[in-house]
Amino acid sequence: MYGSQGTSVAFGTRTSALVLGAALVIAGCSSAGGGGRKPDAGAKITQQPKGADPIWVNPDTNAARQVAAYAKAGKTADAEQIRKIAEQPTGEWIGAENPKAEAQGFTEAADRAGRTALLVLYNIPHRDCGQYSQGGAADGDSYRTWIDEVTQGIADRPATVVLEPDALLHLVDGCTPAEHQAERYDLLNYAITKLKSLRNTKVYLDAGNAGWGHPDEIYQPLRRAGITKADGFAVNVSNFYSTQDSIAYGKQLSAKTADEHFVIDTSRNGNGPYTAGDEDENWCNPPGRSLGETPTTKTADPLVDAYLWIKRPGESDGECKGGPKAGQWWPSYALALARSSK
């Protein structure tokens, strides 16, 4: 997905059944039926040290399966490059069809590993203004039901939720039609309230990136959307702005919102943003990018709660620059990201 501010968000295109089956098998839940399969043994993906990175590493991601496939084919060097992605925790984007079961499967798997699940909720009605990741819930009632089911799936297990990338920005820039704006604020408030009713869930509402505009344009919409009930906001989701620039943007916004904390998506920001192409689509599968700082709660500023890989590196931003549909795994792009990183 992209916003006119230049934010891109890819929504996974693996079917809900496959994601759900894999998650529940990992979690050891018998309720999954026969739809899942065990993680690829060849990848041998383990958890990161909890002290620095409490977020759960899913051992059966696209990247983990690619590691196993390369290893089986004797492509050892390529396997080790993709391992840079597979061994880090990334966001689990909850689908529209089985939200309760998916949220349950991911949080149970994380809890069994003594970690916290990182979930991304991206289903707001009128999503993405008709661009690559258009869609979302059919209406407000459907969205509330979806949020209710996600909440039921998480229950009291630890979870960190990044809420609705670009939903606020598309209110600010006018991309979301005026007749839908009041409802969107109401839905974001509803989602934050429901999620924060859970004992061990943290919620960060998306608040753009260092290149989209100025904090003066979004701090009041953040308040109207319910930021004071959340744990903070998220910046640079699926984008490429440097960690330094993202901290500066986040701190400016924090100062206008009673010192709210924030998280930064560092998944692909190692080389900063792409500036050599079409300015309107520099966010979409830009070449020459790199993996950024690995996920951790040990950050460069006390206002930054964590560096997270919210966007899953190696999954396409959309059908641009030769890429597949938004969210689909793209091995050559994943390799390029990994090879250009330290």
Protein backbone atom coordinates (compact mmCIF):
# COMPACT_ATOMS: atom_id res chain seq x y z
CA MET A 1 0.00 0.00 0.00
CA TYR A 2 1.12 3.55 -0.39
CA GLY A 3 0.00 6.96 0.74
CA SER A 4 0.63 10.26 -0.97
CA GLN A 5 3.16 10.89 1.80
CA GLY A 6 5.24 8.05 0.43
CA THR A 7 4.43 5.34 2.95
CA SER A 8 4.25 1.78 1.68
CA VAL A 9 2.70 -1.18 3.41
CA ALA A 10 2.52 -4.65 1.98
CA PHE A 11 -0.23 -7.00 3.03
CA GLY A 12 0.65 -10.69 2.93
CA THR A 13 -0.93 -12.66 0.14
CA ARG A 14 -0.45 -16.12 1.57
CA THR A 15 -3.88 -17.49 2.25
CA SER A 16 -5.27 -17.16 5.75
CA ALA A 17 -5.58 -20.92 5.98
CA LEU A 18 -1.87 -21.45 5.34
CA VAL A 19 -0.76 -18.77 7.80
CA LEU A 20 -3.24 -20.02 10.36
CA GLY A 21 -2.28 -23.65 9.92
CA ALA A 22 1.42 -22.92 10.25
CA ALA A 23 0.90 -20.78 13.32
CA LEU A 24 -1.26 -23.29 15.11
CA VAL A 25 1.04 -26.20 14.33
CA ILE A 26 3.94 -24.22 15.75
CA ALA A 27 1.86 -23.42 18.81
CA GLY A 28 0.95 -27.07 19.24
CA CYS A 29 -2.80 -26.44 19.02
CA SER A 30 -4.83 -29.48 18.10
CA SER A 31 -7.67 -27.26 16.89
CA ALA A 32 -5.78 -26.48 13.69
CA GLY A 33 -7.03 -29.59 11.96
CA GLY A 34 -4.96 -30.89 9.06
CA GLY A 35 -4.29 -27.53 7.40
CA GLY A 36 -0.81 -26.83 8.77
CA ARG A 37 2.66 -28.22 8.45
CA LYS A 38 5.80 -28.22 10.55
CA PRO A 39 8.45 -25.55 10.00
CA ASP A 40 11.22 -26.42 7.56
CA ALA A 41 13.91 -28.17 9.56
CA GLY A 42 16.66 -27.04 7.18
CA ALA A 43 16.32 -23.42 8.26
CA LYS A 44 16.99 -24.15 11.98
CA ILE A 45 15.60 -20.78 13.05
CA THR A 46 15.83 -20.00 16.78
CA GLN A 47 14.81 -17.12 19.04
CA GLN A 48 16.92 -14.03 19.62
CA PRO A 49 18.21 -13.31 23.17
CA LYS A 50 15.19 -12.17 25.15
CA GLY A 51 17.00 -9.41 27.01
CA ALA A 52 17.60 -7.37 23.86
CA ASP A 53 14.78 -8.63 21.66
CA PRO A 54 11.64 -10.02 23.32
CA ILE A 55 9.68 -10.30 20.04
CA TRP A 56 8.92 -13.81 18.75
CA VAL A 57 10.76 -15.20 15.74
CA ASN A 58 8.38 -17.26 13.60
CA PRO A 59 10.40 -20.26 12.34
CA ASP A 60 8.10 -20.78 9.34
CA THR A 61 8.16 -17.51 7.43
CA ASN A 62 8.76 -17.13 3.71
CA ALA A 63 12.35 -16.24 4.54
CA ALA A 64 12.84 -19.37 6.66
CA ARG A 65 11.48 -21.58 3.90
CA GLN A 66 13.78 -19.84 1.42
CA VAL A 67 16.78 -20.56 3.66
CA ALA A 68 15.82 -24.24 3.69
CA ALA A 69 15.28 -24.31 -0.08
CA TYR A 70 18.64 -22.69 -0.82
CA ALA A 71 20.41 -25.00 1.62
CA LYS A 72 18.79 -28.05 0.01
CA ALA A 73 19.89 -26.82 -3.42
CA GLY A 74 23.47 -26.37 -2.23
CA LYS A 75 23.28 -22.57 -2.45
CA THR A 76 24.95 -22.10 0.90
CA ALA A 77 25.98 -18.48 0.39
CA ASP A 78 22.46 -17.44 -0.63
CA ALA A 79 20.99 -19.36 2.30
CA GLU A 80 23.20 -17.49 4.74
CA GLN A 81 22.22 -14.15 3.24
CA ILE A 82 18.49 -14.86 3.59
CA ARG A 83 19.15 -16.12 7.12
CA LYS A 84 19.81 -12.47 8.01
CA ILE A 85 16.07 -11.98 7.48
CA ALA A 86 14.75 -15.33 8.67
CA GLU A 87 16.41 -15.20 12.09
CA GLN A 88 14.86 -11.83 13.01
CA PRO A 89 11.31 -11.31 14.33
CA THR A 90 8.95 -9.68 11.85
CA GLY A 91 5.35 -8.52 11.97
CA GLU A 92 2.50 -10.98 11.51
CA TRP A 93 -0.16 -9.27 9.39
CA ILE A 94 -3.55 -10.57 10.49
CA GLY A 95 -5.85 -11.46 7.60
CA ALA A 96 -9.51 -10.67 7.12
CA GLU A 97 -10.94 -14.19 7.13
CA ASN A 98 -9.75 -15.89 10.34
CA PRO A 99 -8.63 -13.09 12.68
CA LYS A 100 -9.40 -14.84 15.96
CA ALA A 101 -7.67 -18.09 15.04
CA GLU A 102 -4.65 -16.33 13.53
CA ALA A 103 -4.19 -14.04 16.51
CA GLN A 104 -4.57 -17.02 18.81
CA GLY A 105 -2.09 -19.13 16.86
CA PHE A 106 0.62 -16.48 16.71
CA THR A 107 0.29 -15.39 20.33
CA GLU A 108 0.21 -18.97 21.60
CA ALA A 109 3.35 -19.80 19.63
CA ALA A 110 5.08 -16.71 20.96
CA ASP A 111 3.97 -17.38 24.52
CA ARG A 112 5.26 -20.95 24.40
CA ALA A 113 8.63 -19.56 23.33
CA GLY A 114 8.59 -17.04 26.17
CA ARG A 115 8.30 -14.14 23.73
CA THR A 116 5.85 -11.46 22.60
CA ALA A 117 3.98 -11.65 19.29
CA LEU A 118 4.24 -8.66 16.94
CA LEU A 119 0.92 -8.24 15.12
CA VAL A 120 -0.03 -5.73 12.43
CA LEU A 121 -3.68 -4.84 11.96
CA TYR A 122 -4.45 -3.48 8.51
CA ASN A 123 -8.11 -3.82 7.63
CA ILE A 124 -9.67 -0.36 7.97
CA PRO A 125 -12.56 0.27 5.53
CA HIS A 126 -11.59 2.14 2.33
CA ARG A 127 -7.98 1.13 2.84
CA ASP A 128 -5.17 2.50 0.65
CA CYS A 129 -7.29 4.85 -1.45
CA GLY A 130 -7.53 2.40 -4.33
CA GLN A 131 -3.81 1.71 -4.64
CA TYR A 132 -1.83 -1.57 -4.55
CA SER A 133 -3.27 -2.72 -1.20
CA GLN A 134 -6.80 -1.42 -1.56
CA GLY A 135 -9.57 -3.15 0.32
CA GLY A 136 -10.23 -3.54 4.00
CA ALA A 137 -13.40 -4.35 5.90
CA ALA A 138 -16.68 -3.82 4.06
CA ASP A 139 -18.00 -1.31 6.59
CA GLY A 140 -17.65 -0.08 10.16
CA ASP A 141 -19.66 -2.89 11.72
CA SER A 142 -17.54 -5.49 9.92
CA TYR A 143 -14.37 -3.80 11.15
CA ARG A 144 -15.56 -3.74 14.76
CA THR A 145 -16.39 -7.43 14.54
CA TRP A 146 -12.93 -8.10 13.11
CA ILE A 147 -11.27 -6.17 15.94
CA ASP A 148 -13.40 -8.07 18.47
CA GLU A 149 -12.22 -11.37 17.03
CA VAL A 150 -8.56 -10.30 17.02
CA THR A 151 -8.95 -9.29 20.66
CA GLN A 152 -10.49 -12.63 21.55
CA GLY A 153 -7.63 -14.40 19.80
CA ILE A 154 -4.93 -12.49 21.67
CA ALA A 155 -6.62 -12.90 25.08
CA ASP A 156 -4.16 -12.35 27.94
CA ARG A 157 -1.06 -13.46 26.06
CA PRO A 158 1.69 -10.87 25.40
CA ALA A 159 1.32 -8.98 22.13
CA THR A 160 2.57 -5.77 20.54
CA VAL A 161 0.15 -4.40 17.96
CA VAL A 162 0.91 -1.89 15.21
CA LEU A 163 -2.45 -0.42 14.28
CA GLU A 164 -3.59 0.51 10.79
CA PRO A 165 -0.65 1.80 8.76
CA ASP A 166 -1.52 4.96 6.79
CA ALA A 167 -5.07 5.19 8.17
CA LEU A 168 -4.40 8.54 9.84
CA LEU A 169 -2.24 9.95 7.06
CA HIS A 170 -4.99 9.37 4.54
CA LEU A 171 -7.26 11.45 6.76
CA VAL A 172 -4.73 14.27 6.90
CA ASP A 173 -3.97 14.36 3.17
CA GLY A 174 -7.61 14.12 2.14
CA CYS A 175 -7.18 10.81 0.35
CA THR A 176 -9.97 9.36 2.48
CA PRO A 177 -13.26 10.95 1.33
CA ALA A 178 -14.85 13.39 3.76
CA GLU A 179 -17.92 11.21 4.27
CA HIS A 180 -15.75 8.43 5.74
CA GLN A 181 -13.49 10.48 7.99
CA ALA A 182 -15.58 10.68 11.17
CA GLU A 183 -16.20 6.94 11.02
CA ARG A 184 -12.47 6.25 10.63
CA TYR A 185 -11.65 8.21 13.78
CA ASP A 186 -14.38 6.31 15.60
CA LEU A 187 -13.04 2.96 14.39
CA LEU A 188 -9.47 3.74 15.44
CA ASN A 189 -10.72 4.76 18.88
CA TYR A 190 -12.73 1.56 19.07
CA ALA A 191 -9.75 -0.58 18.12
CA ILE A 192 -7.42 1.05 20.64
CA THR A 193 -9.98 0.76 23.43
CA LYS A 194 -10.69 -2.91 22.74
CA LEU A 195 -7.03 -3.88 22.41
CA LYS A 196 -6.01 -1.98 25.52
CA SER A 197 -8.68 -3.81 27.51
CA LEU A 198 -6.34 -6.80 27.29
CA ARG A 199 -3.91 -7.35 30.12
CA ASN A 200 -0.68 -7.78 28.16
CA THR A 201 -1.19 -5.97 24.85
CA LYS A 202 0.70 -2.85 23.75
CA VAL A 203 -0.71 -0.72 20.94
CA TYR A 204 1.13 1.69 18.65
CA LEU A 205 -0.91 3.72 16.15
CA ASP A 206 0.79 4.47 12.84
CA ALA A 207 1.91 8.09 12.53
CA GLY A 208 3.75 8.35 9.23
CA ASN A 209 7.43 8.84 8.49
CA ALA A 210 10.14 11.45 8.34
CA GLY A 211 9.44 12.29 4.71
CA TRP A 212 5.68 12.66 4.52
CA GLY A 213 5.10 16.06 6.10
CA HIS A 214 5.36 17.80 9.47
CA PRO A 215 4.27 16.68 12.96
CA ASP A 216 2.07 19.80 13.18
CA GLU A 217 -0.22 18.17 10.62
CA ILE A 218 -0.84 14.94 12.50
CA TYR A 219 -0.61 15.46 16.24
CA GLN A 220 -4.22 16.61 16.57
CA PRO A 221 -5.54 13.73 14.41
CA LEU A 222 -3.52 11.38 16.64
CA ARG A 223 -5.28 12.74 19.69
CA ARG A 224 -8.69 12.50 18.03
CA ALA A 225 -7.94 8.87 17.11
CA GLY A 226 -7.27 7.98 20.74
CA ILE A 227 -3.47 8.05 21.09
CA THR A 228 -3.72 8.87 24.80
CA LYS A 229 -5.26 5.42 25.37
CA ALA A 230 -2.51 3.66 23.40
CA ASP A 231 1.12 2.96 24.31
CA GLY A 232 2.37 5.32 21.65
CA PHE A 233 2.76 5.57 17.89
CA ALA A 234 4.76 3.90 15.11
CA VAL A 235 6.91 5.63 12.49
CA ASN A 236 8.52 4.61 9.20
CA VAL A 237 6.26 1.59 8.71
CA SER A 238 7.32 -0.13 5.47
CA ASN A 239 9.45 2.86 4.55
CA PHE A 240 13.14 3.60 4.22
CA TYR A 241 13.97 6.72 6.21
CA SER A 242 17.03 6.39 8.41
CA THR A 243 16.74 5.56 12.07
CA GLN A 244 18.32 8.92 12.92
CA ASP A 245 15.75 10.82 10.86
CA SER A 246 12.94 8.67 12.24
CA ILE A 247 13.98 9.41 15.81
CA ALA A 248 14.07 13.13 15.05
CA TYR A 249 10.58 13.02 13.49
CA GLY A 250 9.20 10.88 16.30
CA LYS A 251 10.60 13.18 19.00
CA GLN A 252 9.05 16.24 17.35
CA LEU A 253 5.71 14.48 17.29
CA SER A 254 6.13 13.16 20.82
CA ALA A 255 6.69 16.69 22.10
CA LYS A 256 3.26 17.64 20.77
CA THR A 257 1.50 14.60 22.23
CA ALA A 258 2.49 14.72 25.91
CA ASP A 259 5.74 12.81 25.37
CA GLU A 260 4.17 9.71 23.87
CA HIS A 261 6.66 6.91 23.20
CA PHE A 262 7.10 5.37 19.76
CA VAL A 263 8.55 2.46 17.79
CA ILE A 264 10.46 2.59 14.50
CA ASP A 265 10.31 0.18 11.57
CA THR A 266 13.97 -0.42 10.72
CA SER A 267 13.40 -3.40 8.45
CA ARG A 268 14.74 -1.82 5.23
CA ASN A 269 16.21 1.54 6.19
CA GLY A 270 19.90 0.64 6.21
CA ASN A 271 20.68 2.81 3.16
CA GLY A 272 18.01 5.42 3.74
CA PRO A 273 15.34 6.41 1.19
CA TYR A 274 15.65 6.06 -2.57
CA THR A 275 15.84 9.42 -4.34
CA ALA A 276 16.90 8.63 -7.90
CA GLY A 277 13.56 7.53 -9.36
CA ASP A 278 10.00 8.76 -9.76
CA GLU A 279 9.30 10.72 -6.57
CA ASP A 280 5.71 9.45 -6.44
CA GLU A 281 6.85 5.82 -6.24
CA ASN A 282 10.23 5.96 -4.51
CA TRP A 283 8.57 3.95 -1.74
CA CYS A 284 7.74 1.01 -4.05
CA ASN A 285 10.41 -1.71 -4.31
CA PRO A 286 13.25 0.80 -4.58
CA PRO A 287 16.59 -0.68 -5.68
CA GLY A 288 19.78 -0.47 -3.67
CA ARG A 289 18.14 -0.59 -0.25
CA SER A 290 19.41 -2.51 2.75
CA LEU A 291 18.26 -4.18 5.94
CA GLY A 292 18.36 -1.80 8.89
CA GLU A 293 19.07 -2.19 12.59
CA THR A 294 17.93 -5.55 13.88
CA PRO A 295 14.89 -5.55 16.16
CA THR A 296 15.67 -4.62 19.74
CA THR A 297 14.35 -2.75 22.77
CA LYS A 298 17.83 -1.29 23.34
CA THR A 299 17.47 1.91 21.33
CA ALA A 300 19.27 5.22 20.95
CA ASP A 301 16.64 7.27 22.77
CA PRO A 302 14.46 6.68 25.85
CA LEU A 303 11.34 7.73 23.93
CA VAL A 304 11.90 4.92 21.41
CA ASP A 305 10.48 1.73 22.88
CA ALA A 306 11.84 -0.53 20.14
CA TYR A 307 13.25 -0.93 16.67
CA LEU A 308 10.92 -3.39 14.93
CA TRP A 309 10.76 -5.13 11.57
CA ILE A 310 7.10 -4.35 10.95
CA LYS A 311 7.38 -4.76 7.20
CA ARG A 312 8.60 -8.25 6.29
CA PRO A 313 11.81 -7.75 4.28
CA GLY A 314 11.72 -9.52 0.93
CA GLU A 315 7.96 -9.17 0.42
CA SER A 316 6.95 -6.89 -2.44
CA ASP A 317 5.50 -3.41 -2.03
CA GLY A 318 3.38 -3.89 -5.14
CA GLU A 319 3.51 -4.43 -8.88
CA CYS A 320 6.21 -1.89 -9.65
CA LYS A 321 9.85 -2.15 -10.77
CA GLY A 322 9.26 -5.77 -11.76
CA GLY A 323 7.82 -6.82 -8.41
CA PRO A 324 4.94 -9.23 -7.77
CA LYS A 325 1.72 -8.25 -6.02
CA ALA A 326 1.94 -6.47 -2.67
CA GLY A 327 2.97 -8.85 0.08
CA GLN A 328 4.25 -11.65 -2.14
CA TRP A 329 7.70 -13.07 -1.42
CA TRP A 330 10.33 -11.88 -3.90
CA PRO A 331 13.58 -13.87 -3.45
CA SER A 332 15.79 -11.70 -5.64
CA TYR A 333 14.78 -8.53 -3.81
CA ALA A 334 15.30 -10.25 -0.46
CA LEU A 335 18.79 -11.28 -1.52
CA ALA A 336 19.60 -7.73 -2.61
CA LEU A 337 18.48 -6.33 0.75
CA ALA A 338 20.55 -8.88 2.66
CA ARG A 339 23.67 -8.59 0.51
CA SER A 340 23.81 -4.82 0.91
CA SER A 341 23.53 -5.03 4.70
CA LYS A 342 26.34 -5.54 7.17
